[in-house]
Full PDB file with SEQRES, HELIX, SHEET, SSBOND, CRYST1, ORIGX, SCALE, CONECT and MASTER records, all heavy atoms in Angstrom:
SEQRES   1 A   34  ASP ARG PHE SER GLY ASN GLY THR ILE VAL ARG HIS LEU          
SEQRES   2 A   34  ASP GLY THR ALA VAL ARG CYS GLU PRO GLY ARG ARG TYR          
SEQRES   3 A   34  LEU VAL PRO ARG GLY SER HIS VAL                              
SHEET    1 AA1 2 ILE A   9  ARG A  11  0                                        
SHEET    2 AA1 2 ALA A  17  ARG A  19 -1                                        
CRYST1    1.000    1.000    1.000  90.00  90.00  90.00 P 1           1          
ORIGX1      1.000000  0.000000  0.000000        0.00000                         
ORIGX2      0.000000  1.000000  0.000000        0.00000                         
ORIGX3      0.000000  0.000000  1.000000        0.00000                         
SCALE1      1.000000  0.000000  0.000000        0.00000                         
SCALE2      0.000000  1.000000  0.000000        0.00000                         
SCALE3      0.000000  0.000000  1.000000        0.00000                         
ATOM      1  N   ASP A   1     -32.497  38.285  -2.076  1.00  0.00           N  
ATOM      2  CA  ASP A   1     -33.221  39.190  -2.939  1.00  0.00           C  
ATOM      3  C   ASP A   1     -33.958  40.058  -2.216  1.00  0.00           C  
ATOM      4  O   ASP A   1     -34.653  39.786  -1.297  1.00  0.00           O  
ATOM      5  CB  ASP A   1     -34.109  38.221  -3.875  1.00  0.00           C  
ATOM      6  CG  ASP A   1     -34.692  38.960  -4.925  1.00  0.00           C  
ATOM      7  OD1 ASP A   1     -35.824  39.454  -4.793  1.00  0.00           O  
ATOM      8  OD2 ASP A   1     -34.125  38.969  -6.081  1.00  0.00           O  
ATOM      9  N   ARG A   2     -33.987  41.351  -2.563  1.00  0.00           N  
ATOM     10  CA  ARG A   2     -34.662  42.520  -1.964  1.00  0.00           C  
ATOM     11  C   ARG A   2     -35.906  42.801  -2.727  1.00  0.00           C  
ATOM     12  O   ARG A   2     -36.328  43.849  -2.969  1.00  0.00           O  
ATOM     13  CB  ARG A   2     -33.793  43.690  -1.868  1.00  0.00           C  
ATOM     14  CG  ARG A   2     -32.629  43.641  -0.913  1.00  0.00           C  
ATOM     15  CD  ARG A   2     -32.757  43.779   0.383  1.00  0.00           C  
ATOM     16  NE  ARG A   2     -33.198  45.197   0.792  1.00  0.00           N  
ATOM     17  CZ  ARG A   2     -32.734  45.926   1.779  1.00  0.00           C  
ATOM     18  NH1 ARG A   2     -32.033  45.338   2.653  1.00  0.00           N  
ATOM     19  NH2 ARG A   2     -33.249  47.222   1.964  1.00  0.00           N  
ATOM     20  N   PHE A   3     -36.735  41.755  -3.092  1.00  0.00           N  
ATOM     21  CA  PHE A   3     -37.948  41.825  -3.716  1.00  0.00           C  
ATOM     22  C   PHE A   3     -37.829  42.458  -5.114  1.00  0.00           C  
ATOM     23  O   PHE A   3     -38.538  43.463  -5.539  1.00  0.00           O  
ATOM     24  CB  PHE A   3     -39.007  42.484  -2.831  1.00  0.00           C  
ATOM     25  CG  PHE A   3     -39.411  41.753  -1.684  1.00  0.00           C  
ATOM     26  CD1 PHE A   3     -38.612  41.891  -0.443  1.00  0.00           C  
ATOM     27  CD2 PHE A   3     -40.359  40.857  -1.656  1.00  0.00           C  
ATOM     28  CE1 PHE A   3     -38.908  41.294   0.700  1.00  0.00           C  
ATOM     29  CE2 PHE A   3     -40.719  40.151  -0.526  1.00  0.00           C  
ATOM     30  CZ  PHE A   3     -39.973  40.259   0.565  1.00  0.00           C  
ATOM     31  N   SER A   4     -36.722  42.092  -5.770  1.00  0.00           N  
ATOM     32  CA  SER A   4     -36.441  42.667  -7.130  1.00  0.00           C  
ATOM     33  C   SER A   4     -37.450  42.206  -8.157  1.00  0.00           C  
ATOM     34  O   SER A   4     -38.172  41.264  -7.930  1.00  0.00           O  
ATOM     35  CB  SER A   4     -35.036  42.007  -7.616  1.00  0.00           C  
ATOM     36  OG  SER A   4     -35.114  40.654  -7.819  1.00  0.00           O  
ATOM     37  N   GLY A   5     -37.487  43.082  -9.285  1.00  0.00           N  
ATOM     38  CA  GLY A   5     -38.449  42.822 -10.237  1.00  0.00           C  
ATOM     39  C   GLY A   5     -38.241  41.479 -11.062  1.00  0.00           C  
ATOM     40  O   GLY A   5     -39.110  40.780 -11.448  1.00  0.00           O  
ATOM     41  N   ASN A   6     -36.969  41.253 -11.334  1.00  0.00           N  
ATOM     42  CA  ASN A   6     -36.609  40.016 -12.143  1.00  0.00           C  
ATOM     43  C   ASN A   6     -36.022  38.862 -11.503  1.00  0.00           C  
ATOM     44  O   ASN A   6     -35.503  37.966 -12.020  1.00  0.00           O  
ATOM     45  CB  ASN A   6     -35.739  40.552 -13.353  1.00  0.00           C  
ATOM     46  CG  ASN A   6     -36.464  41.362 -14.341  1.00  0.00           C  
ATOM     47  OD1 ASN A   6     -37.537  41.082 -14.719  1.00  0.00           O  
ATOM     48  ND2 ASN A   6     -35.777  42.401 -14.780  1.00  0.00           N  
ATOM     49  N   GLY A   7     -35.894  38.945 -10.147  1.00  0.00           N  
ATOM     50  CA  GLY A   7     -35.372  37.863  -9.365  1.00  0.00           C  
ATOM     51  C   GLY A   7     -33.997  37.660  -9.423  1.00  0.00           C  
ATOM     52  O   GLY A   7     -33.112  38.237 -10.070  1.00  0.00           O  
ATOM     53  N   THR A   8     -33.462  36.637  -8.522  1.00  0.00           N  
ATOM     54  CA  THR A   8     -32.022  36.351  -8.319  1.00  0.00           C  
ATOM     55  C   THR A   8     -31.905  34.808  -8.438  1.00  0.00           C  
ATOM     56  O   THR A   8     -32.613  34.218  -7.771  1.00  0.00           O  
ATOM     57  CB  THR A   8     -31.501  36.935  -7.108  1.00  0.00           C  
ATOM     58  OG1 THR A   8     -31.679  38.305  -7.029  1.00  0.00           O  
ATOM     59  CG2 THR A   8     -30.123  36.722  -6.835  1.00  0.00           C  
ATOM     60  N   ILE A   9     -30.850  34.345  -9.147  1.00  0.00           N  
ATOM     61  CA  ILE A   9     -30.569  32.930  -9.046  1.00  0.00           C  
ATOM     62  C   ILE A   9     -29.161  32.715  -8.756  1.00  0.00           C  
ATOM     63  O   ILE A   9     -28.248  33.316  -9.153  1.00  0.00           O  
ATOM     64  CB  ILE A   9     -30.814  32.380 -10.603  1.00  0.00           C  
ATOM     65  CG1 ILE A   9     -32.341  32.564 -11.011  1.00  0.00           C  
ATOM     66  CG2 ILE A   9     -30.463  30.918 -10.705  1.00  0.00           C  
ATOM     67  CD1 ILE A   9     -32.635  32.101 -12.427  1.00  0.00           C  
ATOM     68  N   VAL A  10     -29.010  31.703  -7.866  1.00  0.00           N  
ATOM     69  CA  VAL A  10     -27.605  31.262  -7.430  1.00  0.00           C  
ATOM     70  C   VAL A  10     -27.349  29.985  -8.060  1.00  0.00           C  
ATOM     71  O   VAL A  10     -28.067  28.976  -7.962  1.00  0.00           O  
ATOM     72  CB  VAL A  10     -27.627  31.195  -5.842  1.00  0.00           C  
ATOM     73  CG1 VAL A  10     -26.229  30.562  -5.413  1.00  0.00           C  
ATOM     74  CG2 VAL A  10     -27.840  32.395  -5.172  1.00  0.00           C  
ATOM     75  N   ARG A  11     -26.268  29.866  -8.765  1.00  0.00           N  
ATOM     76  CA  ARG A  11     -25.745  28.578  -9.504  1.00  0.00           C  
ATOM     77  C   ARG A  11     -24.456  28.248  -8.808  1.00  0.00           C  
ATOM     78  O   ARG A  11     -23.532  28.873  -8.769  1.00  0.00           O  
ATOM     79  CB  ARG A  11     -25.548  28.904 -10.958  1.00  0.00           C  
ATOM     80  CG  ARG A  11     -26.738  29.253 -11.786  1.00  0.00           C  
ATOM     81  CD  ARG A  11     -26.547  29.198 -13.192  1.00  0.00           C  
ATOM     82  NE  ARG A  11     -27.741  29.723 -13.881  1.00  0.00           N  
ATOM     83  CZ  ARG A  11     -28.790  28.944 -14.228  1.00  0.00           C  
ATOM     84  NH1 ARG A  11     -28.756  27.693 -13.813  1.00  0.00           N  
ATOM     85  NH2 ARG A  11     -29.783  29.491 -14.867  1.00  0.00           N  
ATOM     86  N   HIS A  12     -24.584  27.017  -8.218  1.00  0.00           N  
ATOM     87  CA  HIS A  12     -23.600  26.462  -7.371  1.00  0.00           C  
ATOM     88  C   HIS A  12     -22.475  25.721  -8.312  1.00  0.00           C  
ATOM     89  O   HIS A  12     -22.925  25.388  -9.569  1.00  0.00           O  
ATOM     90  CB  HIS A  12     -24.071  25.466  -6.300  1.00  0.00           C  
ATOM     91  CG  HIS A  12     -24.857  26.031  -5.310  1.00  0.00           C  
ATOM     92  ND1 HIS A  12     -24.254  26.930  -4.251  1.00  0.00           N  
ATOM     93  CD2 HIS A  12     -26.137  26.200  -5.160  1.00  0.00           C  
ATOM     94  CE1 HIS A  12     -25.288  27.355  -3.567  1.00  0.00           C  
ATOM     95  NE2 HIS A  12     -26.428  26.971  -4.064  1.00  0.00           N  
ATOM     96  N   LEU A  13     -21.272  25.442  -7.872  1.00  0.00           N  
ATOM     97  CA  LEU A  13     -20.281  24.655  -8.614  1.00  0.00           C  
ATOM     98  C   LEU A  13     -20.723  23.250  -9.048  1.00  0.00           C  
ATOM     99  O   LEU A  13     -20.434  22.761 -10.172  1.00  0.00           O  
ATOM    100  CB  LEU A  13     -19.046  24.543  -7.792  1.00  0.00           C  
ATOM    101  CG  LEU A  13     -18.166  25.793  -7.644  1.00  0.00           C  
ATOM    102  CD1 LEU A  13     -17.049  25.718  -6.787  1.00  0.00           C  
ATOM    103  CD2 LEU A  13     -17.728  26.336  -9.120  1.00  0.00           C  
ATOM    104  N   ASP A  14     -21.612  22.616  -8.251  1.00  0.00           N  
ATOM    105  CA  ASP A  14     -22.068  21.291  -8.669  1.00  0.00           C  
ATOM    106  C   ASP A  14     -23.133  21.339  -9.628  1.00  0.00           C  
ATOM    107  O   ASP A  14     -23.670  20.286 -10.019  1.00  0.00           O  
ATOM    108  CB  ASP A  14     -22.532  20.543  -7.410  1.00  0.00           C  
ATOM    109  CG  ASP A  14     -23.766  21.137  -6.819  1.00  0.00           C  
ATOM    110  OD1 ASP A  14     -24.321  22.204  -7.237  1.00  0.00           O  
ATOM    111  OD2 ASP A  14     -24.187  20.679  -5.723  1.00  0.00           O  
ATOM    112  N   GLY A  15     -23.551  22.476 -10.169  1.00  0.00           N  
ATOM    113  CA  GLY A  15     -24.521  22.573 -11.288  1.00  0.00           C  
ATOM    114  C   GLY A  15     -25.922  22.852 -10.776  1.00  0.00           C  
ATOM    115  O   GLY A  15     -26.833  23.100 -11.618  1.00  0.00           O  
ATOM    116  N   THR A  16     -26.227  22.748  -9.539  1.00  0.00           N  
ATOM    117  CA  THR A  16     -27.511  23.083  -9.029  1.00  0.00           C  
ATOM    118  C   THR A  16     -27.758  24.611  -9.109  1.00  0.00           C  
ATOM    119  O   THR A  16     -26.838  25.380  -8.900  1.00  0.00           O  
ATOM    120  CB  THR A  16     -27.724  22.549  -7.622  1.00  0.00           C  
ATOM    121  OG1 THR A  16     -26.764  23.237  -6.712  1.00  0.00           O  
ATOM    122  CG2 THR A  16     -27.482  21.081  -7.442  1.00  0.00           C  
ATOM    123  N   ALA A  17     -29.015  24.917  -9.356  1.00  0.00           N  
ATOM    124  CA  ALA A  17     -29.416  26.261  -9.433  1.00  0.00           C  
ATOM    125  C   ALA A  17     -30.633  26.531  -8.383  1.00  0.00           C  
ATOM    126  O   ALA A  17     -31.427  25.671  -8.396  1.00  0.00           O  
ATOM    127  CB  ALA A  17     -29.850  26.706 -10.823  1.00  0.00           C  
ATOM    128  N   VAL A  18     -30.647  27.610  -7.761  1.00  0.00           N  
ATOM    129  CA  VAL A  18     -31.653  27.993  -6.796  1.00  0.00           C  
ATOM    130  C   VAL A  18     -32.174  29.389  -7.044  1.00  0.00           C  
ATOM    131  O   VAL A  18     -31.385  30.223  -7.147  1.00  0.00           O  
ATOM    132  CB  VAL A  18     -31.105  27.926  -5.354  1.00  0.00           C  
ATOM    133  CG1 VAL A  18     -32.216  28.384  -4.389  1.00  0.00           C  
ATOM    134  CG2 VAL A  18     -30.509  26.553  -4.904  1.00  0.00           C  
ATOM    135  N   ARG A  19     -33.531  29.464  -7.312  1.00  0.00           N  
ATOM    136  CA  ARG A  19     -34.076  30.778  -7.552  1.00  0.00           C  
ATOM    137  C   ARG A  19     -34.475  31.230  -6.044  1.00  0.00           C  
ATOM    138  O   ARG A  19     -35.078  30.611  -5.263  1.00  0.00           O  
ATOM    139  CB  ARG A  19     -35.492  30.806  -8.244  1.00  0.00           C  
ATOM    140  CG  ARG A  19     -36.136  32.007  -8.446  1.00  0.00           C  
ATOM    141  CD  ARG A  19     -37.233  32.022  -9.339  1.00  0.00           C  
ATOM    142  NE  ARG A  19     -36.881  31.786 -10.839  1.00  0.00           N  
ATOM    143  CZ  ARG A  19     -36.465  32.765 -11.560  1.00  0.00           C  
ATOM    144  NH1 ARG A  19     -36.237  33.941 -11.126  1.00  0.00           N  
ATOM    145  NH2 ARG A  19     -36.122  32.485 -12.780  1.00  0.00           N  
ATOM    146  N   CYS A  20     -33.921  32.515  -5.788  1.00  0.00           N  
ATOM    147  CA  CYS A  20     -34.035  33.070  -4.406  1.00  0.00           C  
ATOM    148  C   CYS A  20     -35.328  33.530  -4.136  1.00  0.00           C  
ATOM    149  O   CYS A  20     -35.899  34.339  -4.910  1.00  0.00           O  
ATOM    150  CB  CYS A  20     -32.949  34.132  -4.278  1.00  0.00           C  
ATOM    151  SG  CYS A  20     -31.213  33.623  -4.419  1.00  0.00           S  
ATOM    152  N   GLU A  21     -35.856  33.020  -3.021  1.00  0.00           N  
ATOM    153  CA  GLU A  21     -37.065  33.564  -2.487  1.00  0.00           C  
ATOM    154  C   GLU A  21     -36.935  34.922  -1.836  1.00  0.00           C  
ATOM    155  O   GLU A  21     -35.961  35.068  -1.035  1.00  0.00           O  
ATOM    156  CB  GLU A  21     -37.652  32.603  -1.469  1.00  0.00           C  
ATOM    157  CG  GLU A  21     -39.038  33.007  -0.880  1.00  0.00           C  
ATOM    158  CD  GLU A  21     -39.440  31.954   0.126  1.00  0.00           C  
ATOM    159  OE1 GLU A  21     -39.287  30.753  -0.086  1.00  0.00           O  
ATOM    160  OE2 GLU A  21     -39.918  32.342   1.232  1.00  0.00           O  
ATOM    161  N   PRO A  22     -37.661  35.979  -2.203  1.00  0.00           N  
ATOM    162  CA  PRO A  22     -37.342  37.334  -1.671  1.00  0.00           C  
ATOM    163  C   PRO A  22     -37.235  37.300  -0.096  1.00  0.00           C  
ATOM    164  O   PRO A  22     -38.187  36.725   0.442  1.00  0.00           O  
ATOM    165  CB  PRO A  22     -38.455  38.242  -2.332  1.00  0.00           C  
ATOM    166  CG  PRO A  22     -38.938  37.478  -3.456  1.00  0.00           C  
ATOM    167  CD  PRO A  22     -38.743  36.039  -3.263  1.00  0.00           C  
ATOM    168  N   GLY A  23     -36.336  38.052   0.412  1.00  0.00           N  
ATOM    169  CA  GLY A  23     -36.161  38.143   1.760  1.00  0.00           C  
ATOM    170  C   GLY A  23     -35.597  37.110   2.532  1.00  0.00           C  
ATOM    171  O   GLY A  23     -35.182  37.223   3.661  1.00  0.00           O  
ATOM    172  N   ARG A  24     -35.210  36.014   1.842  1.00  0.00           N  
ATOM    173  CA  ARG A  24     -34.523  34.793   2.396  1.00  0.00           C  
ATOM    174  C   ARG A  24     -33.197  34.757   2.103  1.00  0.00           C  
ATOM    175  O   ARG A  24     -32.699  35.087   0.899  1.00  0.00           O  
ATOM    176  CB  ARG A  24     -35.313  33.422   1.914  1.00  0.00           C  
ATOM    177  CG  ARG A  24     -34.685  32.272   2.768  1.00  0.00           C  
ATOM    178  CD  ARG A  24     -35.496  31.109   2.312  1.00  0.00           C  
ATOM    179  NE  ARG A  24     -34.968  29.901   2.729  1.00  0.00           N  
ATOM    180  CZ  ARG A  24     -35.256  28.656   2.285  1.00  0.00           C  
ATOM    181  NH1 ARG A  24     -36.098  28.537   1.423  1.00  0.00           N  
ATOM    182  NH2 ARG A  24     -34.585  27.648   2.810  1.00  0.00           N  
ATOM    183  N   ARG A  25     -32.280  34.390   3.090  1.00  0.00           N  
ATOM    184  CA  ARG A  25     -30.800  34.396   2.828  1.00  0.00           C  
ATOM    185  C   ARG A  25     -30.288  33.116   2.249  1.00  0.00           C  
ATOM    186  O   ARG A  25     -30.745  32.109   2.652  1.00  0.00           O  
ATOM    187  CB  ARG A  25     -30.018  34.760   4.140  1.00  0.00           C  
ATOM    188  CG  ARG A  25     -30.179  36.131   4.578  1.00  0.00           C  
ATOM    189  CD  ARG A  25     -29.446  36.239   5.860  1.00  0.00           C  
ATOM    190  NE  ARG A  25     -29.625  37.609   6.371  1.00  0.00           N  
ATOM    191  CZ  ARG A  25     -29.105  38.058   7.420  1.00  0.00           C  
ATOM    192  NH1 ARG A  25     -28.406  37.311   8.216  1.00  0.00           N  
ATOM    193  NH2 ARG A  25     -29.346  39.377   7.851  1.00  0.00           N  
ATOM    194  N   TYR A  26     -29.440  33.099   1.227  1.00  0.00           N  
ATOM    195  CA  TYR A  26     -28.978  31.929   0.664  1.00  0.00           C  
ATOM    196  C   TYR A  26     -27.387  31.989   0.568  1.00  0.00           C  
ATOM    197  O   TYR A  26     -26.794  32.997   0.233  1.00  0.00           O  
ATOM    198  CB  TYR A  26     -29.350  31.807  -0.927  1.00  0.00           C  
ATOM    199  CG  TYR A  26     -30.883  31.642  -0.923  1.00  0.00           C  
ATOM    200  CD1 TYR A  26     -31.776  32.620  -0.951  1.00  0.00           C  
ATOM    201  CD2 TYR A  26     -31.364  30.336  -1.156  1.00  0.00           C  
ATOM    202  CE1 TYR A  26     -33.130  32.336  -1.110  1.00  0.00           C  
ATOM    203  CE2 TYR A  26     -32.668  30.027  -1.219  1.00  0.00           C  
ATOM    204  CZ  TYR A  26     -33.624  31.112  -1.189  1.00  0.00           C  
ATOM    205  OH  TYR A  26     -34.999  30.928  -1.264  1.00  0.00           O  
ATOM    206  N   LEU A  27     -26.726  30.933   1.089  1.00  0.00           N  
ATOM    207  CA  LEU A  27     -25.416  30.875   1.197  1.00  0.00           C  
ATOM    208  C   LEU A  27     -24.738  30.721  -0.322  1.00  0.00           C  
ATOM    209  O   LEU A  27     -25.258  29.974  -1.118  1.00  0.00           O  
ATOM    210  CB  LEU A  27     -24.815  29.658   1.975  1.00  0.00           C  
ATOM    211  CG  LEU A  27     -25.066  29.877   3.473  1.00  0.00           C  
ATOM    212  CD1 LEU A  27     -24.537  28.598   4.138  1.00  0.00           C  
ATOM    213  CD2 LEU A  27     -24.327  31.050   4.044  1.00  0.00           C  
ATOM    214  N   VAL A  28     -23.713  31.503  -0.609  1.00  0.00           N  
ATOM    215  CA  VAL A  28     -23.026  31.499  -1.968  1.00  0.00           C  
ATOM    216  C   VAL A  28     -21.576  31.066  -1.777  1.00  0.00           C  
ATOM    217  O   VAL A  28     -20.791  32.063  -1.510  1.00  0.00           O  
ATOM    218  CB  VAL A  28     -23.278  32.823  -2.508  1.00  0.00           C  
ATOM    219  CG1 VAL A  28     -22.673  32.758  -4.049  1.00  0.00           C  
ATOM    220  CG2 VAL A  28     -24.553  33.241  -2.537  1.00  0.00           C  
ATOM    221  N   PRO A  29     -21.209  29.782  -1.809  1.00  0.00           N  
ATOM    222  CA  PRO A  29     -19.806  29.400  -1.611  1.00  0.00           C  
ATOM    223  C   PRO A  29     -18.884  29.948  -2.713  1.00  0.00           C  
ATOM    224  O   PRO A  29     -19.443  30.368  -3.697  1.00  0.00           O  
ATOM    225  CB  PRO A  29     -19.855  27.884  -1.747  1.00  0.00           C  
ATOM    226  CG  PRO A  29     -21.313  27.508  -1.569  1.00  0.00           C  
ATOM    227  CD  PRO A  29     -22.151  28.696  -1.948  1.00  0.00           C  
ATOM    228  N   ARG A  30     -17.627  30.284  -2.456  1.00  0.00           N  
ATOM    229  CA  ARG A  30     -16.762  30.665  -3.419  1.00  0.00           C  
ATOM    230  C   ARG A  30     -16.783  29.849  -4.683  1.00  0.00           C  
ATOM    231  O   ARG A  30     -16.772  28.669  -4.714  1.00  0.00           O  
ATOM    232  CB  ARG A  30     -15.304  30.743  -2.842  1.00  0.00           C  
ATOM    233  CG  ARG A  30     -15.274  31.775  -1.664  1.00  0.00           C  
ATOM    234  CD  ARG A  30     -13.783  31.778  -1.142  1.00  0.00           C  
ATOM    235  NE  ARG A  30     -13.829  32.687   0.084  1.00  0.00           N  
ATOM    236  CZ  ARG A  30     -13.642  33.855   0.231  1.00  0.00           C  
ATOM    237  NH1 ARG A  30     -13.532  34.643  -0.861  1.00  0.00           N  
ATOM    238  NH2 ARG A  30     -13.590  34.489   1.408  1.00  0.00           N  
ATOM    239  N   GLY A  31     -16.744  30.461  -5.825  1.00  0.00           N  
ATOM    240  CA  GLY A  31     -16.854  29.857  -7.172  1.00  0.00           C  
ATOM    241  C   GLY A  31     -18.298  29.812  -7.649  1.00  0.00           C  
ATOM    242  O   GLY A  31     -18.459  29.506  -8.747  1.00  0.00           O  
ATOM    243  N   SER A  32     -19.291  30.119  -6.714  1.00  0.00           N  
ATOM    244  CA  SER A  32     -20.693  30.134  -7.267  1.00  0.00           C  
ATOM    245  C   SER A  32     -20.950  31.290  -8.137  1.00  0.00           C  
ATOM    246  O   SER A  32     -20.327  32.392  -8.011  1.00  0.00           O  
ATOM    247  CB  SER A  32     -21.563  30.165  -6.069  1.00  0.00           C  
ATOM    248  OG  SER A  32     -21.450  28.914  -5.353  1.00  0.00           O  
ATOM    249  N   HIS A  33     -22.038  31.230  -8.866  1.00  0.00           N  
ATOM    250  CA  HIS A  33     -22.401  32.252  -9.852  1.00  0.00           C  
ATOM    251  C   HIS A  33     -23.814  32.789  -9.507  1.00  0.00           C  
ATOM    252  O   HIS A  33     -24.611  31.998  -9.237  1.00  0.00           O  
ATOM    253  CB  HIS A  33     -22.582  31.624 -11.235  1.00  0.00           C  
ATOM    254  CG  HIS A  33     -22.738  32.526 -12.435  1.00  0.00           C  
ATOM    255  ND1 HIS A  33     -21.556  33.081 -13.083  1.00  0.00           N  
ATOM    256  CD2 HIS A  33     -23.840  32.950 -13.001  1.00  0.00           C  
ATOM    257  CE1 HIS A  33     -22.170  33.807 -14.002  1.00  0.00           C  
ATOM    258  NE2 HIS A  33     -23.442  33.704 -14.149  1.00  0.00           N  
ATOM    259  N   VAL A  34     -23.915  34.197  -9.282  1.00  0.00           N  
ATOM    260  CA  VAL A  34     -25.127  34.782  -8.937  1.00  0.00           C  
ATOM    261  C   VAL A  34     -25.675  35.523 -10.159  1.00  0.00           C  
ATOM    262  O   VAL A  34     -24.950  36.516 -10.547  1.00  0.00           O  
ATOM    263  CB  VAL A  34     -25.050  35.712  -7.825  1.00  0.00           C  
ATOM    264  CG1 VAL A  34     -26.340  36.480  -7.255  1.00  0.00           C  
ATOM    265  CG2 VAL A  34     -24.384  34.800  -6.532  1.00  0.00           C  
TER     266      VAL A  34                                                      
MASTER        0    0    0    0    2    0    0    6  265    1    0    3          
END                                                                             
C-alpha cells in the first residue's frame, strides 16, 4: 500500500484477510483477492 486514503486488503484462499500496513510488502499467492 502506497499510503492510500482508503487502504488495501488482501484476502487469501483460506479465508484469512490482512489489512496492509502502508509501505510494507505482502505476498499475494495466485487466487488471492486484493
